[in-house]
Amino acid sequence: RFDLLVPRMMEDALSDLLAGLGLSRYAPIFEEEAITEVALLKSIGSTTFVSSMAELSMDEYAAEALRAKLFGAEAPRSAPSVRPGLLG
């Protein structure tokens, strides 16, 4: 069928979501993998989301931020926390 040969364009909602998180650089990867709608991204599920995004070469912080936005989980900190005893 002809429509299988035409690349799907990313829906505005997903494009806006990625842009709002500063993750627009991942849009071409999502399109290549036919993840062009927020619903498709959410269908991955919260539990395996970060590992699934790692398979698409998304870094862990970016994946956690996107997961937090999609599923309402707490967003990661921008810097790693320091464990007691490491500095003193």
PDB file of N, CA and C in Angstrom:
ATOM      1  N   ARG A   1       0.828  -1.197   0.000  1.00  0.00           N
ATOM      2  CA  ARG A   1       0.000   0.000   0.000  1.00  0.00           C
ATOM      3  C   ARG A   1       0.860   1.243   0.000  1.00  0.00           C
ATOM      4  N   PHE A   2       0.381   2.251  -0.680  1.00  0.00           N
ATOM      5  CA  PHE A   2       1.132   3.495  -0.814  1.00  0.00           C
ATOM      6  C   PHE A   2       1.364   4.183   0.524  1.00  0.00           C
ATOM      7  N   ASP A   3       0.364   4.168   1.429  1.00  0.00           N
ATOM      8  CA  ASP A   3       0.507   4.898   2.689  1.00  0.00           C
ATOM      9  C   ASP A   3       1.586   4.312   3.590  1.00  0.00           C
ATOM     10  N   LEU A   4       1.994   3.075   3.360  1.00  0.00           N
ATOM     11  CA  LEU A   4       3.080   2.485   4.133  1.00  0.00           C
ATOM     12  C   LEU A   4       4.430   3.030   3.713  1.00  0.00           C
ATOM     13  N   LEU A   5       4.497   3.577   2.507  1.00  0.00           N
ATOM     14  CA  LEU A   5       5.754   4.106   1.992  1.00  0.00           C
ATOM     15  C   LEU A   5       5.982   5.567   2.368  1.00  0.00           C
ATOM     16  N   VAL A   6       4.931   6.236   2.801  1.00  0.00           N
ATOM     17  CA  VAL A   6       5.024   7.646   3.155  1.00  0.00           C
ATOM     18  C   VAL A   6       5.374   7.758   4.639  1.00  0.00           C
ATOM     19  N   PRO A   7       6.478   8.419   4.965  1.00  0.00           N
ATOM     20  CA  PRO A   7       6.827   8.552   6.382  1.00  0.00           C
ATOM     21  C   PRO A   7       5.765   9.350   7.139  1.00  0.00           C
ATOM     22  N   ARG A   8       5.457   8.915   8.332  1.00  0.00           N
ATOM     23  CA  ARG A   8       4.463   9.605   9.144  1.00  0.00           C
ATOM     24  C   ARG A   8       5.106  10.810   9.800  1.00  0.00           C
ATOM     25  N   MET A   9       4.383  11.888   9.819  1.00  0.00           N
ATOM     26  CA  MET A   9       4.848  13.092  10.484  1.00  0.00           C
ATOM     27  C   MET A   9       4.480  13.016  11.958  1.00  0.00           C
ATOM     28  N   MET A  10       5.322  13.551  12.779  1.00  0.00           N
ATOM     29  CA  MET A  10       5.064  13.562  14.206  1.00  0.00           C
ATOM     30  C   MET A  10       3.916  14.512  14.521  1.00  0.00           C
ATOM     31  N   GLU A  11       2.991  14.070  15.380  1.00  0.00           N
ATOM     32  CA  GLU A  11       1.884  14.931  15.764  1.00  0.00           C
ATOM     33  C   GLU A  11       2.412  16.121  16.559  1.00  0.00           C
ATOM     34  N   ASP A  12       1.699  17.239  16.455  1.00  0.00           N
ATOM     35  CA  ASP A  12       2.122  18.471  17.121  1.00  0.00           C
ATOM     36  C   ASP A  12       2.263  18.289  18.621  1.00  0.00           C
ATOM     37  N   ALA A  13       1.375  17.521  19.241  1.00  0.00           N
ATOM     38  CA  ALA A  13       1.414  17.343  20.691  1.00  0.00           C
ATOM     39  C   ALA A  13       2.730  16.703  21.137  1.00  0.00           C
ATOM     40  N   LEU A  14       3.212  15.717  20.382  1.00  0.00           N
ATOM     41  CA  LEU A  14       4.472  15.070  20.738  1.00  0.00           C
ATOM     42  C   LEU A  14       5.648  15.991  20.443  1.00  0.00           C
ATOM     43  N   SER A  15       5.601  16.665  19.321  1.00  0.00           N
ATOM     44  CA  SER A  15       6.654  17.614  18.980  1.00  0.00           C
ATOM     45  C   SER A  15       6.757  18.714  20.038  1.00  0.00           C
ATOM     46  N   ASP A  16       5.592  19.232  20.462  1.00  0.00           N
ATOM     47  CA  ASP A  16       5.565  20.281  21.491  1.00  0.00           C
ATOM     48  C   ASP A  16       6.064  19.758  22.831  1.00  0.00           C
ATOM     49  N   LEU A  17       5.717  18.522  23.161  1.00  0.00           N
ATOM     50  CA  LEU A  17       6.167  17.914  24.413  1.00  0.00           C
ATOM     51  C   LEU A  17       7.684  17.810  24.442  1.00  0.00           C
ATOM     52  N   LEU A  18       8.256  17.293  23.364  1.00  0.00           N
ATOM     53  CA  LEU A  18       9.710  17.172  23.295  1.00  0.00           C
ATOM     54  C   LEU A  18      10.377  18.541  23.349  1.00  0.00           C
ATOM     55  N   ALA A  19       9.840  19.502  22.606  1.00  0.00           N
ATOM     56  CA  ALA A  19      10.419  20.850  22.594  1.00  0.00           C
ATOM     57  C   ALA A  19      10.343  21.485  23.980  1.00  0.00           C
ATOM     58  N   GLY A  20       9.227  21.308  24.661  1.00  0.00           N
ATOM     59  CA  GLY A  20       9.052  21.890  25.991  1.00  0.00           C
ATOM     60  C   GLY A  20      10.044  21.361  27.009  1.00  0.00           C
ATOM     61  N   LEU A  21      10.533  20.153  26.778  1.00  0.00           N
ATOM     62  CA  LEU A  21      11.516  19.543  27.676  1.00  0.00           C
ATOM     63  C   LEU A  21      12.947  19.705  27.157  1.00  0.00           C
ATOM     64  N   GLY A  22      13.099  20.402  26.044  1.00  0.00           N
ATOM     65  CA  GLY A  22      14.426  20.569  25.454  1.00  0.00           C
ATOM     66  C   GLY A  22      14.943  19.286  24.816  1.00  0.00           C
ATOM     67  N   LEU A  23      14.029  18.427  24.358  1.00  0.00           N
ATOM     68  CA  LEU A  23      14.412  17.123  23.818  1.00  0.00           C
ATOM     69  C   LEU A  23      14.111  16.977  22.325  1.00  0.00           C
ATOM     70  N   SER A  24      13.992  18.091  21.627  1.00  0.00           N
ATOM     71  CA  SER A  24      13.676  18.046  20.195  1.00  0.00           C
ATOM     72  C   SER A  24      14.694  17.244  19.394  1.00  0.00           C
ATOM     73  N   ARG A  25      15.903  17.139  19.905  1.00  0.00           N
ATOM     74  CA  ARG A  25      16.940  16.391  19.183  1.00  0.00           C
ATOM     75  C   ARG A  25      16.575  14.918  19.018  1.00  0.00           C
ATOM     76  N   TYR A  26      15.627  14.421  19.836  1.00  0.00           N
ATOM     77  CA  TYR A  26      15.216  13.021  19.743  1.00  0.00           C
ATOM     78  C   TYR A  26      14.069  12.804  18.749  1.00  0.00           C
ATOM     79  N   ALA A  27      13.479  13.870  18.226  1.00  0.00           N
ATOM     80  CA  ALA A  27      12.350  13.744  17.300  1.00  0.00           C
ATOM     81  C   ALA A  27      12.676  12.879  16.079  1.00  0.00           C
ATOM     82  N   PRO A  28      13.823  13.051  15.436  1.00  0.00           N
ATOM     83  CA  PRO A  28      14.115  12.196  14.274  1.00  0.00           C
ATOM     84  C   PRO A  28      14.196  10.704  14.631  1.00  0.00           C
ATOM     85  N   ILE A  29      14.705  10.403  15.811  1.00  0.00           N
ATOM     86  CA  ILE A  29      14.784   9.004  16.245  1.00  0.00           C
ATOM     87  C   ILE A  29      13.384   8.453  16.451  1.00  0.00           C
ATOM     88  N   PHE A  30      12.519   9.230  17.092  1.00  0.00           N
ATOM     89  CA  PHE A  30      11.149   8.791  17.310  1.00  0.00           C
ATOM     90  C   PHE A  30      10.443   8.557  15.981  1.00  0.00           C
ATOM     91  N   GLU A  31      10.626   9.475  15.036  1.00  0.00           N
ATOM     92  CA  GLU A  31       9.994   9.316  13.735  1.00  0.00           C
ATOM     93  C   GLU A  31      10.521   8.079  13.012  1.00  0.00           C
ATOM     94  N   GLU A  32      11.814   7.836  13.107  1.00  0.00           N
ATOM     95  CA  GLU A  32      12.408   6.652  12.486  1.00  0.00           C
ATOM     96  C   GLU A  32      11.811   5.366  13.067  1.00  0.00           C
ATOM     97  N   GLU A  33      11.499   5.408  14.356  1.00  0.00           N
ATOM     98  CA  GLU A  33      10.923   4.242  15.034  1.00  0.00           C
ATOM     99  C   GLU A  33       9.392   4.242  14.988  1.00  0.00           C
ATOM    100  N   ALA A  34       8.807   5.174  14.228  1.00  0.00           N
ATOM    101  CA  ALA A  34       7.348   5.301  14.070  1.00  0.00           C
ATOM    102  C   ALA A  34       6.643   5.629  15.380  1.00  0.00           C
ATOM    103  N   ILE A  35       7.344   6.321  16.269  1.00  0.00           N
ATOM    104  CA  ILE A  35       6.715   6.840  17.486  1.00  0.00           C
ATOM    105  C   ILE A  35       6.374   8.287  17.186  1.00  0.00           C
ATOM    106  N   THR A  36       5.173   8.496  16.660  1.00  0.00           N
ATOM    107  CA  THR A  36       4.786   9.811  16.167  1.00  0.00           C
ATOM    108  C   THR A  36       3.619  10.422  16.925  1.00  0.00           C
ATOM    109  N   GLU A  37       3.128   9.718  17.948  1.00  0.00           N
ATOM    110  CA  GLU A  37       2.000  10.204  18.729  1.00  0.00           C
ATOM    111  C   GLU A  37       2.278  10.004  20.215  1.00  0.00           C
ATOM    112  N   VAL A  38       1.764  10.900  21.033  1.00  0.00           N
ATOM    113  CA  VAL A  38       1.922  10.788  22.477  1.00  0.00           C
ATOM    114  C   VAL A  38       1.357   9.457  22.969  1.00  0.00           C
ATOM    115  N   ALA A  39       0.219   9.040  22.407  1.00  0.00           N
ATOM    116  CA  ALA A  39      -0.408   7.785  22.825  1.00  0.00           C
ATOM    117  C   ALA A  39       0.524   6.592  22.606  1.00  0.00           C
ATOM    118  N   LEU A  40       1.260   6.592  21.505  1.00  0.00           N
ATOM    119  CA  LEU A  40       2.207   5.505  21.254  1.00  0.00           C
ATOM    120  C   LEU A  40       3.338   5.522  22.271  1.00  0.00           C
ATOM    121  N   LEU A  41       3.810   6.702  22.595  1.00  0.00           N
ATOM    122  CA  LEU A  41       4.878   6.833  23.582  1.00  0.00           C
ATOM    123  C   LEU A  41       4.407   6.367  24.950  1.00  0.00           C
ATOM    124  N   LYS A  42       3.180   6.746  25.324  1.00  0.00           N
ATOM    125  CA  LYS A  42       2.629   6.331  26.612  1.00  0.00           C
ATOM    126  C   LYS A  42       2.370   4.830  26.669  1.00  0.00           C
ATOM    127  N   SER A  43       2.117   4.221  25.512  1.00  0.00           N
ATOM    128  CA  SER A  43       1.838   2.783  25.497  1.00  0.00           C
ATOM    129  C   SER A  43       3.046   1.952  25.915  1.00  0.00           C
ATOM    130  N   ILE A  44       4.222   2.543  25.928  1.00  0.00           N
ATOM    131  CA  ILE A  44       5.426   1.845  26.394  1.00  0.00           C
ATOM    132  C   ILE A  44       5.288   1.513  27.874  1.00  0.00           C
ATOM    133  N   GLY A  45       4.622   2.393  28.622  1.00  0.00           N
ATOM    134  CA  GLY A  45       4.403   2.169  30.048  1.00  0.00           C
ATOM    135  C   GLY A  45       5.492   2.788  30.900  1.00  0.00           C
ATOM    136  N   SER A  46       5.128   3.192  32.090  1.00  0.00           N
ATOM    137  CA  SER A  46       6.041   3.873  32.998  1.00  0.00           C
ATOM    138  C   SER A  46       7.154   2.966  33.511  1.00  0.00           C
ATOM    139  N   THR A  47       6.837   1.710  33.768  1.00  0.00           N
ATOM    140  CA  THR A  47       7.791   0.788  34.388  1.00  0.00           C
ATOM    141  C   THR A  47       9.019   0.539  33.527  1.00  0.00           C
ATOM    142  N   THR A  48       8.826   0.367  32.248  1.00  0.00           N
ATOM    143  CA  THR A  48       9.941   0.053  31.347  1.00  0.00           C
ATOM    144  C   THR A  48      10.339   1.229  30.466  1.00  0.00           C
ATOM    145  N   PHE A  49       9.804   2.401  30.761  1.00  0.00           N
ATOM    146  CA  PHE A  49      10.004   3.548  29.886  1.00  0.00           C
ATOM    147  C   PHE A  49      11.474   3.929  29.735  1.00  0.00           C
ATOM    148  N   VAL A  50      12.187   4.073  30.835  1.00  0.00           N
ATOM    149  CA  VAL A  50      13.582   4.536  30.780  1.00  0.00           C
ATOM    150  C   VAL A  50      14.456   3.547  30.008  1.00  0.00           C
ATOM    151  N   SER A  51      14.284   2.252  30.258  1.00  0.00           N
ATOM    152  CA  SER A  51      15.095   1.264  29.542  1.00  0.00           C
ATOM    153  C   SER A  51      14.726   1.231  28.058  1.00  0.00           C
ATOM    154  N   SER A  52      13.456   1.427  27.751  1.00  0.00           N
ATOM    155  CA  SER A  52      13.043   1.475  26.347  1.00  0.00           C
ATOM    156  C   SER A  52      13.644   2.678  25.636  1.00  0.00           C
ATOM    157  N   MET A  53      13.689   3.816  26.313  1.00  0.00           N
ATOM    158  CA  MET A  53      14.280   5.005  25.715  1.00  0.00           C
ATOM    159  C   MET A  53      15.787   4.853  25.564  1.00  0.00           C
ATOM    160  N   ALA A  54      16.421   4.113  26.467  1.00  0.00           N
ATOM    161  CA  ALA A  54      17.860   3.853  26.356  1.00  0.00           C
ATOM    162  C   ALA A  54      18.156   3.083  25.075  1.00  0.00           C
ATOM    163  N   GLU A  55      17.233   2.204  24.680  1.00  0.00           N
ATOM    164  CA  GLU A  55      17.407   1.458  23.427  1.00  0.00           C
ATOM    165  C   GLU A  55      17.370   2.391  22.215  1.00  0.00           C
ATOM    166  N   LEU A  56      16.784   3.575  22.394  1.00  0.00           N
ATOM    167  CA  LEU A  56      16.739   4.577  21.321  1.00  0.00           C
ATOM    168  C   LEU A  56      17.848   5.616  21.476  1.00  0.00           C
ATOM    169  N   SER A  57      18.820   5.315  22.336  1.00  0.00           N
ATOM    170  CA  SER A  57      19.980   6.178  22.601  1.00  0.00           C
ATOM    171  C   SER A  57      19.630   7.457  23.350  1.00  0.00           C
ATOM    172  N   MET A  58      18.529   7.459  24.086  1.00  0.00           N
ATOM    173  CA  MET A  58      18.184   8.618  24.911  1.00  0.00           C
ATOM    174  C   MET A  58      18.890   8.472  26.256  1.00  0.00           C
ATOM    175  N   ASP A  59      19.526   9.547  26.711  1.00  0.00           N
ATOM    176  CA  ASP A  59      20.214   9.473  27.992  1.00  0.00           C
ATOM    177  C   ASP A  59      19.202   9.342  29.133  1.00  0.00           C
ATOM    178  N   GLU A  60      19.663   8.849  30.262  1.00  0.00           N
ATOM    179  CA  GLU A  60      18.774   8.533  31.382  1.00  0.00           C
ATOM    180  C   GLU A  60      18.036   9.765  31.918  1.00  0.00           C
ATOM    181  N   TYR A  61      18.729  10.887  32.034  1.00  0.00           N
ATOM    182  CA  TYR A  61      18.076  12.086  32.548  1.00  0.00           C
ATOM    183  C   TYR A  61      16.945  12.528  31.626  1.00  0.00           C
ATOM    184  N   ALA A  62      17.193  12.517  30.324  1.00  0.00           N
ATOM    185  CA  ALA A  62      16.160  12.906  29.362  1.00  0.00           C
ATOM    186  C   ALA A  62      14.974  11.947  29.429  1.00  0.00           C
ATOM    187  N   ALA A  63      15.256  10.657  29.521  1.00  0.00           N
ATOM    188  CA  ALA A  63      14.193   9.659  29.607  1.00  0.00           C
ATOM    189  C   ALA A  63      13.374   9.828  30.878  1.00  0.00           C
ATOM    190  N   GLU A  64      14.030  10.115  31.987  1.00  0.00           N
ATOM    191  CA  GLU A  64      13.315  10.323  33.258  1.00  0.00           C
ATOM    192  C   GLU A  64      12.449  11.582  33.195  1.00  0.00           C
ATOM    193  N   ALA A  65      12.963  12.633  32.582  1.00  0.00           N
ATOM    194  CA  ALA A  65      12.187  13.873  32.458  1.00  0.00           C
ATOM    195  C   ALA A  65      10.950  13.647  31.586  1.00  0.00           C
ATOM    196  N   LEU A  66      11.126  12.917  30.497  1.00  0.00           N
ATOM    197  CA  LEU A  66      10.002  12.620  29.612  1.00  0.00           C
ATOM    198  C   LEU A  66       8.994  11.698  30.309  1.00  0.00           C
ATOM    199  N   ARG A  67       9.496  10.707  31.025  1.00  0.00           N
ATOM    200  CA  ARG A  67       8.626   9.799  31.775  1.00  0.00           C
ATOM    201  C   ARG A  67       7.820  10.576  32.812  1.00  0.00           C
ATOM    202  N   ALA A  68       8.473  11.495  33.497  1.00  0.00           N
ATOM    203  CA  ALA A  68       7.799  12.303  34.512  1.00  0.00           C
ATOM    204  C   ALA A  68       6.676  13.132  33.894  1.00  0.00           C
ATOM    205  N   LYS A  69       6.926  13.701  32.753  1.00  0.00           N
ATOM    206  CA  LYS A  69       5.919  14.518  32.073  1.00  0.00           C
ATOM    207  C   LYS A  69       4.746  13.665  31.584  1.00  0.00           C
ATOM    208  N   LEU A  70       5.044  12.490  31.072  1.00  0.00           N
ATOM    209  CA  LEU A  70       4.005  11.619  30.531  1.00  0.00           C
ATOM    210  C   LEU A  70       3.165  10.941  31.601  1.00  0.00           C
ATOM    211  N   PHE A  71       3.814  10.511  32.662  1.00  0.00           N
ATOM    212  CA  PHE A  71       3.142   9.675  33.645  1.00  0.00           C
ATOM    213  C   PHE A  71       2.963  10.339  35.004  1.00  0.00           C
ATOM    214  N   GLY A  72       3.411  11.591  35.133  1.00  0.00           N
ATOM    215  CA  GLY A  72       3.214  12.317  36.374  1.00  0.00           C
ATOM    216  C   GLY A  72       4.163  11.932  37.492  1.00  0.00           C
ATOM    217  N   ALA A  73       5.204  11.193  37.178  1.00  0.00           N
ATOM    218  CA  ALA A  73       6.182  10.820  38.194  1.00  0.00           C
ATOM    219  C   ALA A  73       7.060  12.026  38.528  1.00  0.00           C
ATOM    220  N   GLU A  74       7.691  11.972  39.661  1.00  0.00           N
ATOM    221  CA  GLU A  74       8.569  13.073  40.075  1.00  0.00           C
ATOM    222  C   GLU A  74       9.732  13.203  39.098  1.00  0.00           C
ATOM    223  N   ALA A  75       9.987  14.412  38.659  1.00  0.00           N
ATOM    224  CA  ALA A  75      11.084  14.666  37.722  1.00  0.00           C
ATOM    225  C   ALA A  75      12.418  14.468  38.432  1.00  0.00           C
ATOM    226  N   PRO A  76      13.423  14.005  37.711  1.00  0.00           N
ATOM    227  CA  PRO A  76      14.743  13.809  38.316  1.00  0.00           C
ATOM    228  C   PRO A  76      15.403  15.132  38.658  1.00  0.00           C
ATOM    229  N   ARG A  77      16.335  15.070  39.559  1.00  0.00           N
ATOM    230  CA  ARG A  77      17.114  16.273  39.898  1.00  0.00           C
ATOM    231  C   ARG A  77      18.080  16.575  38.769  1.00  0.00           C
ATOM    232  N   SER A  78      18.447  17.829  38.652  1.00  0.00           N
ATOM    233  CA  SER A  78      19.342  18.206  37.567  1.00  0.00           C
ATOM    234  C   SER A  78      20.783  17.819  37.843  1.00  0.00           C
ATOM    235  N   ALA A  79      21.108  17.581  39.093  1.00  0.00           N
ATOM    236  CA  ALA A  79      22.459  17.159  39.450  1.00  0.00           C
ATOM    237  C   ALA A  79      22.352  15.938  40.357  1.00  0.00           C
ATOM    238  N   PRO A  80      23.302  15.042  40.272  1.00  0.00           N
ATOM    239  CA  PRO A  80      23.252  13.862  41.145  1.00  0.00           C
ATOM    240  C   PRO A  80      23.379  14.264  42.603  1.00  0.00           C
ATOM    241  N   SER A  81      22.696  13.540  43.451  1.00  0.00           N
ATOM    242  CA  SER A  81      22.780  13.848  44.877  1.00  0.00           C
ATOM    243  C   SER A  81      24.101  13.325  45.431  1.00  0.00           C
ATOM    244  N   VAL A  82      24.579  13.992  46.452  1.00  0.00           N
ATOM    245  CA  VAL A  82      25.827  13.585  47.095  1.00  0.00           C
ATOM    246  C   VAL A  82      25.489  12.743  48.303  1.00  0.00           C
ATOM    247  N   ARG A  83      26.079  11.565  48.359  1.00  0.00           N
ATOM    248  CA  ARG A  83      25.837  10.699  49.518  1.00  0.00           C
ATOM    249  C   ARG A  83      26.651  11.176  50.696  1.00  0.00           C
ATOM    250  N   PRO A  84      26.118  11.044  51.899  1.00  0.00           N
ATOM    251  CA  PRO A  84      26.861  11.456  53.098  1.00  0.00           C
ATOM    252  C   PRO A  84      28.193  10.721  53.177  1.00  0.00           C
ATOM    253  N   GLY A  85      29.208  11.438  53.596  1.00  0.00           N
ATOM    254  CA  GLY A  85      30.512  10.840  53.800  1.00  0.00           C
ATOM    255  C   GLY A  85      31.443  10.941  52.605  1.00  0.00           C
ATOM    256  N   LEU A  86      30.931  11.327  51.450  1.00  0.00           N
ATOM    257  CA  LEU A  86      31.792  11.412  50.279  1.00  0.00           C
ATOM    258  C   LEU A  86      32.635  12.673  50.261  1.00  0.00           C
ATOM    259  N   LEU A  87      32.156  13.719  50.907  1.00  0.00           N
ATOM    260  CA  LEU A  87      32.899  14.978  50.892  1.00  0.00           C
ATOM    261  C   LEU A  87      33.534  15.311  52.230  1.00  0.00           C
ATOM    262  N   GLY A  88      33.221  14.603  53.229  1.00  0.00           N
ATOM    263  CA  GLY A  88      33.739  15.029  54.519  1.00  0.00           C
ATOM    264  C   GLY A  88      34.164  13.954  55.310  1.00  0.00           C
TER     265      GLY A  88
END
